[in-house]
């Protein structure tokens, strides 16, 4: 089954991207207007996040967010076939000197990002820009065959994919090394780990303290990778330094990356993944 799945994705992957984007146009309309995929969640999230925006403004964001979602979905079919050269052209890192500087100083870093624009291409491309080892946290998929195929695709260019359960141990084992450790920190924590809340997009929001704990335990530099769409199928990444040293106060480092993401979303809200249940465990103010 795994070989068949790989063959199917590779076959799709040779389709020119402009054609895939035409398919994305149709799929976006279909999901939003026909099957109404999570429209109730999207609308609730947008309304609560931007209470001062008009209904017209929210509808525009909603429509564009569905196209962003399907663009990313369709573009990620190329994970199995895209070449290094093509990926670097379509996911360009503006300041690779950040990685070079860390490598020279033998300093490890925690690289925080989010489900914003094409996060899969971003994660895949990091190993092309960094000389040091890149580790990316991974949550196993329920379908074992598809899970195996995705793991192979995500590690094609050298990134080391680590399951969530073993990721902390890997970081601690590499303490003192110039590794780059990527986490996507914008999802809702499990209900058993609701130990820190902050105001995020106008809502009292539970956030992971895991990245902050790992940063402190392994003495990592805190970085944020921004991903901005230049045009369809083309992106630019920028690595932003959030903290040069460990911040001891609980939640201080977490607030840095949460507030940074919040501003990015406010600037271009259509590029975030609004269909996930980000506030399913939120508490009242």
C-alpha atoms as a PDB file:
ATOM      1  CA  UNK A   1       0.000   0.000   0.000  1.00  0.00           C
ATOM      2  CA  UNK A   2       2.864   2.352   0.833  1.00  0.00           C
ATOM      3  CA  UNK A   3       4.525   1.852  -2.565  1.00  0.00           C
ATOM      4  CA  UNK A   4       1.216   2.473  -4.343  1.00  0.00           C
ATOM      5  CA  UNK A   5       0.631   5.664  -2.326  1.00  0.00           C
ATOM      6  CA  UNK A   6       4.139   6.877  -3.169  1.00  0.00           C
ATOM      7  CA  UNK A   7       3.619   6.124  -6.860  1.00  0.00           C
ATOM      8  CA  UNK A   8       0.334   8.047  -6.908  1.00  0.00           C
ATOM      9  CA  UNK A   9       1.871  11.103  -5.254  1.00  0.00           C
ATOM     10  CA  UNK A  10       4.903  11.020  -7.541  1.00  0.00           C
ATOM     11  CA  UNK A  11       2.626  10.845 -10.563  1.00  0.00           C
ATOM     12  CA  UNK A  12       0.667  13.855  -9.353  1.00  0.00           C
ATOM     13  CA  UNK A  13       3.912  15.627  -8.533  1.00  0.00           C
ATOM     14  CA  UNK A  14       4.992  15.881 -12.173  1.00  0.00           C
ATOM     15  CA  UNK A  15       1.884  17.946 -12.983  1.00  0.00           C
ATOM     16  CA  UNK A  16       2.837  21.605 -13.646  1.00  0.00           C
ATOM     17  CA  UNK A  17       2.091  23.799 -10.632  1.00  0.00           C
ATOM     18  CA  UNK A  18      -0.108  26.285 -12.573  1.00  0.00           C
ATOM     19  CA  UNK A  19      -2.446  23.395 -13.369  1.00  0.00           C
ATOM     20  CA  UNK A  20      -2.418  22.297  -9.742  1.00  0.00           C
ATOM     21  CA  UNK A  21      -3.339  25.854  -8.726  1.00  0.00           C
ATOM     22  CA  UNK A  22      -6.324  25.729 -11.074  1.00  0.00           C
ATOM     23  CA  UNK A  23      -7.384  22.583  -9.253  1.00  0.00           C
ATOM     24  CA  UNK A  24      -6.881  24.481  -5.998  1.00  0.00           C
ATOM     25  CA  UNK A  25      -9.312  27.177  -7.191  1.00  0.00           C
ATOM     26  CA  UNK A  26     -12.005  24.581  -7.739  1.00  0.00           C
ATOM     27  CA  UNK A  27     -11.222  22.733  -4.510  1.00  0.00           C
ATOM     28  CA  UNK A  28     -11.357  25.955  -2.495  1.00  0.00           C
ATOM     29  CA  UNK A  29     -14.817  26.775  -3.862  1.00  0.00           C
ATOM     30  CA  UNK A  30     -15.971  23.189  -3.330  1.00  0.00           C
ATOM     31  CA  UNK A  31     -14.821  22.990   0.296  1.00  0.00           C
ATOM     32  CA  UNK A  32     -16.197  26.383   1.285  1.00  0.00           C
ATOM     33  CA  UNK A  33     -19.455  26.549  -0.653  1.00  0.00           C
ATOM     34  CA  UNK A  34     -20.531  22.957  -1.362  1.00  0.00           C
ATOM     35  CA  UNK A  35     -19.402  20.696   1.471  1.00  0.00           C
ATOM     36  CA  UNK A  36     -18.877  23.676   3.800  1.00  0.00           C
ATOM     37  CA  UNK A  37     -15.773  22.123   5.331  1.00  0.00           C
ATOM     38  CA  UNK A  38     -15.464  23.506   8.868  1.00  0.00           C
ATOM     39  CA  UNK A  39     -17.027  26.813   7.861  1.00  0.00           C
ATOM     40  CA  UNK A  40     -18.619  27.120  11.301  1.00  0.00           C
ATOM     41  CA  UNK A  41     -15.198  26.829  12.966  1.00  0.00           C
ATOM     42  CA  UNK A  42     -13.537  29.240  10.524  1.00  0.00           C
ATOM     43  CA  UNK A  43     -16.239  31.873  10.960  1.00  0.00           C
ATOM     44  CA  UNK A  44     -16.301  31.598  14.732  1.00  0.00           C
ATOM     45  CA  UNK A  45     -12.507  31.845  14.942  1.00  0.00           C
ATOM     46  CA  UNK A  46     -12.400  34.871  12.646  1.00  0.00           C
ATOM     47  CA  UNK A  47     -15.256  36.672  14.381  1.00  0.00           C
ATOM     48  CA  UNK A  48     -13.739  36.176  17.834  1.00  0.00           C
ATOM     49  CA  UNK A  49     -10.249  37.114  16.670  1.00  0.00           C
ATOM     50  CA  UNK A  50     -11.294  40.277  14.832  1.00  0.00           C
ATOM     51  CA  UNK A  51     -14.399  41.673  16.581  1.00  0.00           C
ATOM     52  CA  UNK A  52     -13.877  45.102  15.027  1.00  0.00           C
ATOM     53  CA  UNK A  53     -13.900  43.904  11.433  1.00  0.00           C
ATOM     54  CA  UNK A  54     -17.099  44.136   9.410  1.00  0.00           C
ATOM     55  CA  UNK A  55     -18.961  41.092   8.063  1.00  0.00           C
ATOM     56  CA  UNK A  56     -17.725  41.991   4.593  1.00  0.00           C
ATOM     57  CA  UNK A  57     -14.100  42.087   5.735  1.00  0.00           C
ATOM     58  CA  UNK A  58     -14.450  38.754   7.527  1.00  0.00           C
ATOM     59  CA  UNK A  59     -15.972  37.111   4.447  1.00  0.00           C
ATOM     60  CA  UNK A  60     -13.051  38.288   2.322  1.00  0.00           C
ATOM     61  CA  UNK A  61     -10.567  36.832   4.813  1.00  0.00           C
ATOM     62  CA  UNK A  62     -12.576  33.618   4.973  1.00  0.00           C
ATOM     63  CA  UNK A  63     -12.616  33.205   1.200  1.00  0.00           C
ATOM     64  CA  UNK A  64      -8.903  33.890   0.862  1.00  0.00           C
ATOM     65  CA  UNK A  65      -8.098  31.574   3.762  1.00  0.00           C
ATOM     66  CA  UNK A  66      -9.753  28.661   1.978  1.00  0.00           C
ATOM     67  CA  UNK A  67      -7.668  29.336  -1.110  1.00  0.00           C
ATOM     68  CA  UNK A  68      -4.550  29.491   1.035  1.00  0.00           C
ATOM     69  CA  UNK A  69      -5.532  26.163   2.597  1.00  0.00           C
ATOM     70  CA  UNK A  70      -6.096  24.421  -0.733  1.00  0.00           C
ATOM     71  CA  UNK A  71      -2.998  25.998  -2.304  1.00  0.00           C
ATOM     72  CA  UNK A  72      -0.862  24.569   0.504  1.00  0.00           C
ATOM     73  CA  UNK A  73      -2.676  21.227   0.260  1.00  0.00           C
ATOM     74  CA  UNK A  74      -2.104  21.007  -3.490  1.00  0.00           C
ATOM     75  CA  UNK A  75       1.465  22.337  -3.379  1.00  0.00           C
ATOM     76  CA  UNK A  76       2.383  19.699  -0.821  1.00  0.00           C
ATOM     77  CA  UNK A  77       1.746  16.996  -3.404  1.00  0.00           C
ATOM     78  CA  UNK A  78       5.168  18.092  -4.690  1.00  0.00           C
ATOM     79  CA  UNK A  79       6.855  17.049  -1.442  1.00  0.00           C
ATOM     80  CA  UNK A  80       7.602  13.707  -3.089  1.00  0.00           C
ATOM     81  CA  UNK A  81       9.069  15.012  -6.352  1.00  0.00           C
ATOM     82  CA  UNK A  82      10.322  18.594  -5.987  1.00  0.00           C
ATOM     83  CA  UNK A  83      14.051  19.002  -6.595  1.00  0.00           C
ATOM     84  CA  UNK A  84      16.440  20.819  -4.275  1.00  0.00           C
ATOM     85  CA  UNK A  85      16.954  23.545  -6.867  1.00  0.00           C
ATOM     86  CA  UNK A  86      13.233  24.077  -7.411  1.00  0.00           C
ATOM     87  CA  UNK A  87      12.468  24.072  -3.698  1.00  0.00           C
ATOM     88  CA  UNK A  88      15.140  26.697  -2.996  1.00  0.00           C
ATOM     89  CA  UNK A  89      13.655  28.807  -5.782  1.00  0.00           C
ATOM     90  CA  UNK A  90      10.133  28.497  -4.377  1.00  0.00           C
ATOM     91  CA  UNK A  91      11.047  28.704  -0.663  1.00  0.00           C
ATOM     92  CA  UNK A  92      13.843  31.269  -0.455  1.00  0.00           C
ATOM     93  CA  UNK A  93      15.621  32.002   2.810  1.00  0.00           C
ATOM     94  CA  UNK A  94      16.418  35.702   3.044  1.00  0.00           C
ATOM     95  CA  UNK A  95      19.029  35.501   5.799  1.00  0.00           C
ATOM     96  CA  UNK A  96      20.914  32.162   5.806  1.00  0.00           C
ATOM     97  CA  UNK A  97      23.737  33.936   7.651  1.00  0.00           C
ATOM     98  CA  UNK A  98      21.771  33.310  10.882  1.00  0.00           C
ATOM     99  CA  UNK A  99      22.351  29.579  10.520  1.00  0.00           C
ATOM    100  CA  UNK A 100      25.983  30.119   9.506  1.00  0.00           C
ATOM    101  CA  UNK A 101      26.622  32.249  12.588  1.00  0.00           C
ATOM    102  CA  UNK A 102      25.096  29.648  14.911  1.00  0.00           C
ATOM    103  CA  UNK A 103      27.155  26.902  13.299  1.00  0.00           C
ATOM    104  CA  UNK A 104      30.391  28.847  13.786  1.00  0.00           C
ATOM    105  CA  UNK A 105      29.532  29.495  17.440  1.00  0.00           C
ATOM    106  CA  UNK A 106      28.459  25.871  17.958  1.00  0.00           C
ATOM    107  CA  UNK A 107      25.160  27.195  19.331  1.00  0.00           C
ATOM    108  CA  UNK A 108      21.929  25.254  19.139  1.00  0.00           C
ATOM    109  CA  UNK A 109      18.592  26.889  18.393  1.00  0.00           C
ATOM    110  CA  UNK A 110      14.909  26.297  18.901  1.00  0.00           C
ATOM    111  CA  UNK A 111      13.146  27.391  15.725  1.00  0.00           C
ATOM    112  CA  UNK A 112       9.467  28.149  16.303  1.00  0.00           C
ATOM    113  CA  UNK A 113       6.944  28.415  13.489  1.00  0.00           C
ATOM    114  CA  UNK A 114       3.231  27.916  12.782  1.00  0.00           C
ATOM    115  CA  UNK A 115       0.682  26.589  10.306  1.00  0.00           C
ATOM    116  CA  UNK A 116       1.051  29.734   8.250  1.00  0.00           C
ATOM    117  CA  UNK A 117       1.461  29.687   4.465  1.00  0.00           C
ATOM    118  CA  UNK A 118       3.308  26.551   3.297  1.00  0.00           C
ATOM    119  CA  UNK A 119       4.804  25.188   6.512  1.00  0.00           C
ATOM    120  CA  UNK A 120       5.615  21.817   4.883  1.00  0.00           C
ATOM    121  CA  UNK A 121       7.844  23.347   2.204  1.00  0.00           C
ATOM    122  CA  UNK A 122       9.440  25.477   4.904  1.00  0.00           C
ATOM    123  CA  UNK A 123      10.276  22.444   7.049  1.00  0.00           C
ATOM    124  CA  UNK A 124      11.539  20.473   4.037  1.00  0.00           C
ATOM    125  CA  UNK A 125      13.806  23.302   2.868  1.00  0.00           C
ATOM    126  CA  UNK A 126      15.580  24.041   6.159  1.00  0.00           C
ATOM    127  CA  UNK A 127      18.097  21.238   5.694  1.00  0.00           C
ATOM    128  CA  UNK A 128      19.080  22.813   2.361  1.00  0.00           C
ATOM    129  CA  UNK A 129      20.040  26.089   4.025  1.00  0.00           C
ATOM    130  CA  UNK A 130      21.571  24.895   7.308  1.00  0.00           C
ATOM    131  CA  UNK A 131      24.951  23.162   7.485  1.00  0.00           C
ATOM    132  CA  UNK A 132      24.105  21.770  10.905  1.00  0.00           C
ATOM    133  CA  UNK A 133      21.662  18.972  11.663  1.00  0.00           C
ATOM    134  CA  UNK A 134      17.978  19.888  11.489  1.00  0.00           C
ATOM    135  CA  UNK A 135      15.440  18.130  13.704  1.00  0.00           C
ATOM    136  CA  UNK A 136      11.718  18.513  13.150  1.00  0.00           C
ATOM    137  CA  UNK A 137       9.027  17.332  15.571  1.00  0.00           C
ATOM    138  CA  UNK A 138       6.407  15.025  14.108  1.00  0.00           C
ATOM    139  CA  UNK A 139       3.011  13.701  15.165  1.00  0.00           C
ATOM    140  CA  UNK A 140       2.268  10.270  13.756  1.00  0.00           C
ATOM    141  CA  UNK A 141      -0.723   9.921  11.430  1.00  0.00           C
ATOM    142  CA  UNK A 142      -3.408   7.323  12.090  1.00  0.00           C
ATOM    143  CA  UNK A 143      -2.975   5.721   8.663  1.00  0.00           C
ATOM    144  CA  UNK A 144       0.300   3.787   8.965  1.00  0.00           C
ATOM    145  CA  UNK A 145       0.833   3.509   5.209  1.00  0.00           C
ATOM    146  CA  UNK A 146       0.355   7.239   4.603  1.00  0.00           C
ATOM    147  CA  UNK A 147       2.390   7.995   7.732  1.00  0.00           C
ATOM    148  CA  UNK A 148       5.342   6.038   6.353  1.00  0.00           C
ATOM    149  CA  UNK A 149       5.132   7.810   2.980  1.00  0.00           C
ATOM    150  CA  UNK A 150       4.979  11.254   4.606  1.00  0.00           C
ATOM    151  CA  UNK A 151       7.963  10.511   6.834  1.00  0.00           C
ATOM    152  CA  UNK A 152      10.050   9.608   3.775  1.00  0.00           C
ATOM    153  CA  UNK A 153       8.939  12.747   1.946  1.00  0.00           C
ATOM    154  CA  UNK A 154       9.655  15.068   4.867  1.00  0.00           C
ATOM    155  CA  UNK A 155      13.159  13.682   5.369  1.00  0.00           C
ATOM    156  CA  UNK A 156      14.166  13.645   1.659  1.00  0.00           C
ATOM    157  CA  UNK A 157      16.754  16.413   1.988  1.00  0.00           C
ATOM    158  CA  UNK A 158      18.316  15.427   5.283  1.00  0.00           C
ATOM    159  CA  UNK A 159      16.017  16.687   8.030  1.00  0.00           C
ATOM    160  CA  UNK A 160      15.699  14.292  10.962  1.00  0.00           C
ATOM    161  CA  UNK A 161      12.037  13.730  11.793  1.00  0.00           C
ATOM    162  CA  UNK A 162      11.425  13.061  15.470  1.00  0.00           C
ATOM    163  CA  UNK A 163       8.150  11.848  17.041  1.00  0.00           C
ATOM    164  CA  UNK A 164       6.698  14.143  19.705  1.00  0.00           C
ATOM    165  CA  UNK A 165       7.365  11.621  22.482  1.00  0.00           C
ATOM    166  CA  UNK A 166      11.095  11.364  21.745  1.00  0.00           C
ATOM    167  CA  UNK A 167      11.750  14.945  20.585  1.00  0.00           C
ATOM    168  CA  UNK A 168      12.647  16.303  24.072  1.00  0.00           C
ATOM    169  CA  UNK A 169      15.082  13.447  24.699  1.00  0.00           C
ATOM    170  CA  UNK A 170      16.747  14.105  21.336  1.00  0.00           C
ATOM    171  CA  UNK A 171      17.184  17.809  22.125  1.00  0.00           C
ATOM    172  CA  UNK A 172      18.685  17.057  25.538  1.00  0.00           C
ATOM    173  CA  UNK A 173      20.976  14.436  24.031  1.00  0.00           C
ATOM    174  CA  UNK A 174      22.247  17.059  21.589  1.00  0.00           C
ATOM    175  CA  UNK A 175      22.779  19.724  24.252  1.00  0.00           C
ATOM    176  CA  UNK A 176      25.926  21.679  23.460  1.00  0.00           C
ATOM    177  CA  UNK A 177      25.685  21.000  19.727  1.00  0.00           C
ATOM    178  CA  UNK A 178      24.755  23.449  16.972  1.00  0.00           C
ATOM    179  CA  UNK A 179      21.484  21.770  16.030  1.00  0.00           C
ATOM    180  CA  UNK A 180      18.372  23.448  14.602  1.00  0.00           C
ATOM    181  CA  UNK A 181      15.183  22.165  16.238  1.00  0.00           C
ATOM    182  CA  UNK A 182      11.886  23.035  14.556  1.00  0.00           C
ATOM    183  CA  UNK A 183       8.516  23.113  16.327  1.00  0.00           C
ATOM    184  CA  UNK A 184       5.105  24.324  15.166  1.00  0.00           C
ATOM    185  CA  UNK A 185       3.675  25.884  18.309  1.00  0.00           C
ATOM    186  CA  UNK A 186       0.286  27.271  17.290  1.00  0.00           C
ATOM    187  CA  UNK A 187      -2.000  24.339  18.055  1.00  0.00           C
ATOM    188  CA  UNK A 188      -4.048  23.788  21.181  1.00  0.00           C
ATOM    189  CA  UNK A 189      -2.324  21.780  23.931  1.00  0.00           C
ATOM    190  CA  UNK A 190      -3.830  18.532  25.140  1.00  0.00           C
ATOM    191  CA  UNK A 191      -6.352  19.114  27.924  1.00  0.00           C
ATOM    192  CA  UNK A 192      -3.957  17.427  30.369  1.00  0.00           C
ATOM    193  CA  UNK A 193      -1.349  20.147  29.715  1.00  0.00           C
ATOM    194  CA  UNK A 194      -3.382  23.331  30.130  1.00  0.00           C
ATOM    195  CA  UNK A 195      -0.979  25.077  32.464  1.00  0.00           C
ATOM    196  CA  UNK A 196      -0.439  28.450  30.782  1.00  0.00           C
ATOM    197  CA  UNK A 197      -2.812  30.953  29.170  1.00  0.00           C
ATOM    198  CA  UNK A 198      -2.291  34.265  27.436  1.00  0.00           C
ATOM    199  CA  UNK A 199      -4.245  36.732  25.337  1.00  0.00           C
ATOM    200  CA  UNK A 200      -3.862  35.697  21.705  1.00  0.00           C
ATOM    201  CA  UNK A 201      -6.020  37.156  18.947  1.00  0.00           C
ATOM    202  CA  UNK A 202      -8.434  38.721  21.410  1.00  0.00           C
ATOM    203  CA  UNK A 203      -9.027  35.440  23.250  1.00  0.00           C
ATOM    204  CA  UNK A 204      -7.802  33.792  26.419  1.00  0.00           C
ATOM    205  CA  UNK A 205      -5.713  31.051  24.872  1.00  0.00           C
ATOM    206  CA  UNK A 206      -3.895  27.984  26.217  1.00  0.00           C
ATOM    207  CA  UNK A 207      -0.391  27.641  24.775  1.00  0.00           C
ATOM    208  CA  UNK A 208       2.370  25.054  24.891  1.00  0.00           C
ATOM    209  CA  UNK A 209       5.130  25.635  27.415  1.00  0.00           C
ATOM    210  CA  UNK A 210       7.051  22.728  25.918  1.00  0.00           C
ATOM    211  CA  UNK A 211       9.222  24.817  23.555  1.00  0.00           C
ATOM    212  CA  UNK A 212      10.141  27.166  26.387  1.00  0.00           C
ATOM    213  CA  UNK A 213      11.073  24.262  28.669  1.00  0.00           C
ATOM    214  CA  UNK A 214      13.249  22.737  25.972  1.00  0.00           C
ATOM    215  CA  UNK A 215      14.919  26.071  25.288  1.00  0.00           C
ATOM    216  CA  UNK A 216      15.836  26.393  28.967  1.00  0.00           C
ATOM    217  CA  UNK A 217      16.894  22.772  29.453  1.00  0.00           C
ATOM    218  CA  UNK A 218      19.216  22.713  26.436  1.00  0.00           C
ATOM    219  CA  UNK A 219      20.299  26.388  26.523  1.00  0.00           C
ATOM    220  CA  UNK A 220      19.003  27.072  23.009  1.00  0.00           C
ATOM    221  CA  UNK A 221      18.694  30.349  21.172  1.00  0.00           C
ATOM    222  CA  UNK A 222      15.036  31.184  20.462  1.00  0.00           C
ATOM    223  CA  UNK A 223      14.272  31.899  16.812  1.00  0.00           C
ATOM    224  CA  UNK A 224      11.106  32.340  14.792  1.00  0.00           C
ATOM    225  CA  UNK A 225      10.853  31.484  11.098  1.00  0.00           C
ATOM    226  CA  UNK A 226       8.443  33.690   9.180  1.00  0.00           C
ATOM    227  CA  UNK A 227       7.027  32.380   5.889  1.00  0.00           C
ATOM    228  CA  UNK A 228       5.574  34.953   3.499  1.00  0.00           C
ATOM    229  CA  UNK A 229       3.946  34.308   0.124  1.00  0.00           C
ATOM    230  CA  UNK A 230       5.497  36.340  -2.692  1.00  0.00           C
ATOM    231  CA  UNK A 231       3.025  34.964  -5.254  1.00  0.00           C
ATOM    232  CA  UNK A 232       1.304  31.637  -5.781  1.00  0.00           C
ATOM    233  CA  UNK A 233       3.858  28.884  -5.440  1.00  0.00           C
ATOM    234  CA  UNK A 234       6.655  31.203  -4.279  1.00  0.00           C
ATOM    235  CA  UNK A 235       7.582  32.047  -0.682  1.00  0.00           C
ATOM    236  CA  UNK A 236      10.243  33.816   1.329  1.00  0.00           C
ATOM    237  CA  UNK A 237      11.474  32.796   4.765  1.00  0.00           C
ATOM    238  CA  UNK A 238      13.021  35.072   7.330  1.00  0.00           C
ATOM    239  CA  UNK A 239      14.669  33.905  10.557  1.00  0.00           C
ATOM    240  CA  UNK A 240      13.987  36.303  13.430  1.00  0.00           C
ATOM    241  CA  UNK A 241      15.861  36.193  16.731  1.00  0.00           C
ATOM    242  CA  UNK A 242      13.518  36.407  19.724  1.00  0.00           C
ATOM    243  CA  UNK A 243      15.884  35.728  22.625  1.00  0.00           C
ATOM    244  CA  UNK A 244      19.655  35.397  22.806  1.00  0.00           C
ATOM    245  CA  UNK A 245      19.594  33.944  26.296  1.00  0.00           C
ATOM    246  CA  UNK A 246      17.310  31.836  28.436  1.00  0.00           C
ATOM    247  CA  UNK A 247      14.488  33.801  30.086  1.00  0.00           C
ATOM    248  CA  UNK A 248      13.856  32.440  33.570  1.00  0.00           C
ATOM    249  CA  UNK A 249      10.384  33.822  34.230  1.00  0.00           C
ATOM    250  CA  UNK A 250       7.680  31.264  33.416  1.00  0.00           C
ATOM    251  CA  UNK A 251       5.969  32.079  30.149  1.00  0.00           C
ATOM    252  CA  UNK A 252       8.345  34.879  29.128  1.00  0.00           C
ATOM    253  CA  UNK A 253       9.857  33.029  26.161  1.00  0.00           C
ATOM    254  CA  UNK A 254       6.471  31.607  25.208  1.00  0.00           C
ATOM    255  CA  UNK A 255       4.938  35.073  25.059  1.00  0.00           C
ATOM    256  CA  UNK A 256       7.722  36.192  22.721  1.00  0.00           C
ATOM    257  CA  UNK A 257       6.881  33.679  20.009  1.00  0.00           C
ATOM    258  CA  UNK A 258       3.107  33.843  20.598  1.00  0.00           C
ATOM    259  CA  UNK A 259       2.994  37.624  20.236  1.00  0.00           C
ATOM    260  CA  UNK A 260       5.287  37.518  17.224  1.00  0.00           C
ATOM    261  CA  UNK A 261       2.943  35.102  15.488  1.00  0.00           C
ATOM    262  CA  UNK A 262      -0.071  37.183  16.487  1.00  0.00           C
ATOM    263  CA  UNK A 263       1.321  40.223  14.697  1.00  0.00           C
ATOM    264  CA  UNK A 264       2.081  38.207  11.576  1.00  0.00           C
ATOM    265  CA  UNK A 265      -1.482  36.875  11.520  1.00  0.00           C
ATOM    266  CA  UNK A 266      -2.934  40.351  12.020  1.00  0.00           C
ATOM    267  CA  UNK A 267      -0.911  41.615   9.053  1.00  0.00           C
ATOM    268  CA  UNK A 268      -2.162  38.881   6.699  1.00  0.00           C
ATOM    269  CA  UNK A 269      -4.864  36.822   8.449  1.00  0.00           C
ATOM    270  CA  UNK A 270      -5.855  34.878   5.333  1.00  0.00           C
ATOM    271  CA  UNK A 271      -2.605  32.895   5.434  1.00  0.00           C
ATOM    272  CA  UNK A 272      -3.186  31.164   8.776  1.00  0.00           C
ATOM    273  CA  UNK A 273      -4.977  27.843   9.201  1.00  0.00           C
ATOM    274  CA  UNK A 274      -8.336  29.005  10.615  1.00  0.00           C
ATOM    275  CA  UNK A 275     -10.060  25.649  10.279  1.00  0.00           C
ATOM    276  CA  UNK A 276      -8.378  24.029  13.269  1.00  0.00           C
ATOM    277  CA  UNK A 277     -10.033  24.078  16.701  1.00  0.00           C
ATOM    278  CA  UNK A 278      -7.450  26.363  18.278  1.00  0.00           C
ATOM    279  CA  UNK A 279      -9.674  27.441  21.172  1.00  0.00           C
ATOM    280  CA  UNK A 280     -11.393  24.159  22.034  1.00  0.00           C
ATOM    281  CA  UNK A 281      -9.859  24.230  25.532  1.00  0.00           C
ATOM    282  CA  UNK A 282      -9.893  27.970  26.142  1.00  0.00           C
ATOM    283  CA  UNK A 283     -11.191  29.269  29.433  1.00  0.00           C
ATOM    284  CA  UNK A 284     -13.285  32.321  30.147  1.00  0.00           C
ATOM    285  CA  UNK A 285     -11.485  35.587  30.894  1.00  0.00           C
END
